C-alpha atoms as a PDB file:
ATOM      1  CA  MET A   1      52.038  23.791  36.551  1.00  0.00           C
ATOM      2  CA  LYS A   2      53.889  20.946  38.310  1.00  0.00           C
ATOM      3  CA  TYR A   3      52.046  18.363  40.401  1.00  0.00           C
ATOM      4  CA  THR A   4      52.967  15.411  42.595  1.00  0.00           C
ATOM      5  CA  TYR A   5      50.509  12.623  43.390  1.00  0.00           C
ATOM      6  CA  LYS A   6      51.091   9.906  46.006  1.00  0.00           C
ATOM      7  CA  THR A   7      49.681   6.677  44.581  1.00  0.00           C
ATOM      8  CA  LYS A   8      47.582   4.151  46.482  1.00  0.00           C
ATOM      9  CA  GLY A   9      47.524   0.394  45.854  1.00  0.00           C
ATOM     10  CA  THR A  10      50.269   0.207  43.218  1.00  0.00           C
ATOM     11  CA  CYS A  11      53.950  -0.670  43.038  1.00  0.00           C
ATOM     12  CA  SER A  12      54.734   2.901  42.030  1.00  0.00           C
ATOM     13  CA  THR A  13      54.596   5.288  44.977  1.00  0.00           C
ATOM     14  CA  GLN A  14      54.430   8.662  43.294  1.00  0.00           C
ATOM     15  CA  ILE A  15      53.624  10.350  39.995  1.00  0.00           C
ATOM     16  CA  ASP A  16      55.092  13.713  39.023  1.00  0.00           C
ATOM     17  CA  PHE A  17      53.704  15.579  36.027  1.00  0.00           C
ATOM     18  CA  GLU A  18      52.960  18.958  34.526  1.00  0.00           C
ATOM     19  CA  VAL A  19      49.735  20.300  33.052  1.00  0.00           C
ATOM     20  CA  ASP A  20      49.803  23.276  30.694  1.00  0.00           C
ATOM     21  CA  ASN A  21      46.681  24.422  28.824  1.00  0.00           C
ATOM     22  CA  ASN A  22      45.009  21.096  29.682  1.00  0.00           C
ATOM     23  CA  LYS A  23      47.897  19.154  28.090  1.00  0.00           C
ATOM     24  CA  LEU A  24      49.931  16.589  30.035  1.00  0.00           C
ATOM     25  CA  HIS A  25      53.746  16.794  30.048  1.00  0.00           C
ATOM     26  CA  ASN A  26      56.811  15.341  31.785  1.00  0.00           C
ATOM     27  CA  VAL A  27      55.094  12.393  33.475  1.00  0.00           C
ATOM     28  CA  SER A  28      57.432  10.508  35.791  1.00  0.00           C
ATOM     29  CA  PHE A  29      56.623   7.522  38.006  1.00  0.00           C
ATOM     30  CA  THR A  30      58.608   6.596  41.125  1.00  0.00           C
ATOM     31  CA  GLY A  31      58.855   2.817  41.471  1.00  0.00           C
ATOM     32  CA  GLY A  32      56.703   0.378  39.560  1.00  0.00           C
ATOM     33  CA  CYS A  33      57.493  -1.424  36.308  1.00  0.00           C
ATOM     34  CA  ASN A  34      60.206   0.822  34.920  1.00  0.00           C
ATOM     35  CA  GLY A  35      59.964   0.015  31.215  1.00  0.00           C
ATOM     36  CA  ASN A  36      56.179  -0.016  31.072  1.00  0.00           C
ATOM     37  CA  LEU A  37      55.876   3.246  32.963  1.00  0.00           C
ATOM     38  CA  LYS A  38      58.469   4.951  30.760  1.00  0.00           C
ATOM     39  CA  ALA A  39      56.358   3.875  27.792  1.00  0.00           C
ATOM     40  CA  VAL A  40      53.144   5.171  29.377  1.00  0.00           C
ATOM     41  CA  SER A  41      54.878   8.477  30.111  1.00  0.00           C
ATOM     42  CA  LYS A  42      55.948   8.887  26.485  1.00  0.00           C
ATOM     43  CA  LEU A  43      52.564   7.852  25.102  1.00  0.00           C
ATOM     44  CA  VAL A  44      50.618  10.382  27.182  1.00  0.00           C
ATOM     45  CA  ASP A  45      53.053  13.283  26.726  1.00  0.00           C
ATOM     46  CA  GLY A  46      51.294  16.185  25.020  1.00  0.00           C
ATOM     47  CA  GLN A  47      47.896  14.499  25.244  1.00  0.00           C
ATOM     48  CA  ASP A  48      44.751  16.256  26.420  1.00  0.00           C
ATOM     49  CA  VAL A  49      44.123  15.602  30.123  1.00  0.00           C
ATOM     50  CA  ASP A  50      40.519  14.494  29.511  1.00  0.00           C
ATOM     51  CA  THR A  51      41.626  12.045  26.813  1.00  0.00           C
ATOM     52  CA  VAL A  52      44.217  10.474  29.133  1.00  0.00           C
ATOM     53  CA  ILE A  53      41.634  10.159  31.926  1.00  0.00           C
ATOM     54  CA  SER A  54      39.109   8.475  29.629  1.00  0.00           C
ATOM     55  CA  LYS A  55      41.683   5.989  28.328  1.00  0.00           C
ATOM     56  CA  LEU A  56      43.333   5.016  31.630  1.00  0.00           C
ATOM     57  CA  LYS A  57      40.574   5.284  34.242  1.00  0.00           C
ATOM     58  CA  GLY A  58      39.473   1.923  35.603  1.00  0.00           C
ATOM     59  CA  ILE A  59      42.421  -0.156  34.361  1.00  0.00           C
ATOM     60  CA  THR A  60      43.433  -2.763  36.926  1.00  0.00           C
ATOM     61  CA  CYS A  61      46.717  -4.620  37.447  1.00  0.00           C
ATOM     62  CA  GLY A  62      46.465  -8.325  38.186  1.00  0.00           C
ATOM     63  CA  PHE A  63      44.416  -8.864  41.326  1.00  0.00           C
ATOM     64  CA  LYS A  64      44.638  -5.195  42.362  1.00  0.00           C
ATOM     65  CA  GLN A  65      41.658  -2.847  42.147  1.00  0.00           C
ATOM     66  CA  THR A  66      43.808  -0.195  40.441  1.00  0.00           C
ATOM     67  CA  SER A  67      46.928   0.233  38.303  1.00  0.00           C
ATOM     68  CA  CYS A  68      49.568   2.867  37.688  1.00  0.00           C
ATOM     69  CA  GLY A  69      47.554   4.091  34.703  1.00  0.00           C
ATOM     70  CA  ASP A  70      44.395   4.277  36.792  1.00  0.00           C
ATOM     71  CA  GLN A  71      46.320   6.177  39.460  1.00  0.00           C
ATOM     72  CA  LEU A  72      47.479   8.652  36.817  1.00  0.00           C
ATOM     73  CA  ALA A  73      43.846   9.157  35.780  1.00  0.00           C
ATOM     74  CA  LYS A  74      42.899   9.759  39.435  1.00  0.00           C
ATOM     75  CA  ALA A  75      45.783  12.223  39.813  1.00  0.00           C
ATOM     76  CA  LEU A  76      44.594  14.118  36.754  1.00  0.00           C
ATOM     77  CA  GLU A  77      40.997  14.186  37.981  1.00  0.00           C
ATOM     78  CA  GLU A  78      42.208  15.578  41.304  1.00  0.00           C
ATOM     79  CA  THR A  79      44.325  18.146  39.478  1.00  0.00           C
ATOM     80  CA  LYS A  80      41.362  19.259  37.375  1.00  0.00           C
ATOM     81  CA  THR A  81      39.404  20.122  40.530  1.00  0.00           C
ATOM     82  CA  LYS A  82      42.295  22.335  41.664  1.00  0.00           C
ATOM     83  CA  ILE A  83      42.569  24.071  38.277  1.00  0.00           C
ATOM     84  CA  ASN A  84      38.852  24.716  37.794  1.00  0.00           C
END
């Protein structure tokens, strides 16, 4: 199923992704650090949603309280509540 998450507190403004059988696919960030976020998207593709959450949750960016990775974890947590 396809999802869109509006980020808060990061340079990226939106994350689009798909979840199928608790696996993450086709992650795409709008805005943010292009190269880094392309790399993150490739690294998490096909990974278990819970694994991605545990690895990315709580990561900060510079002086910010969050990061694009942390926002992806929050998006996935929100998605899990909709699925379950």
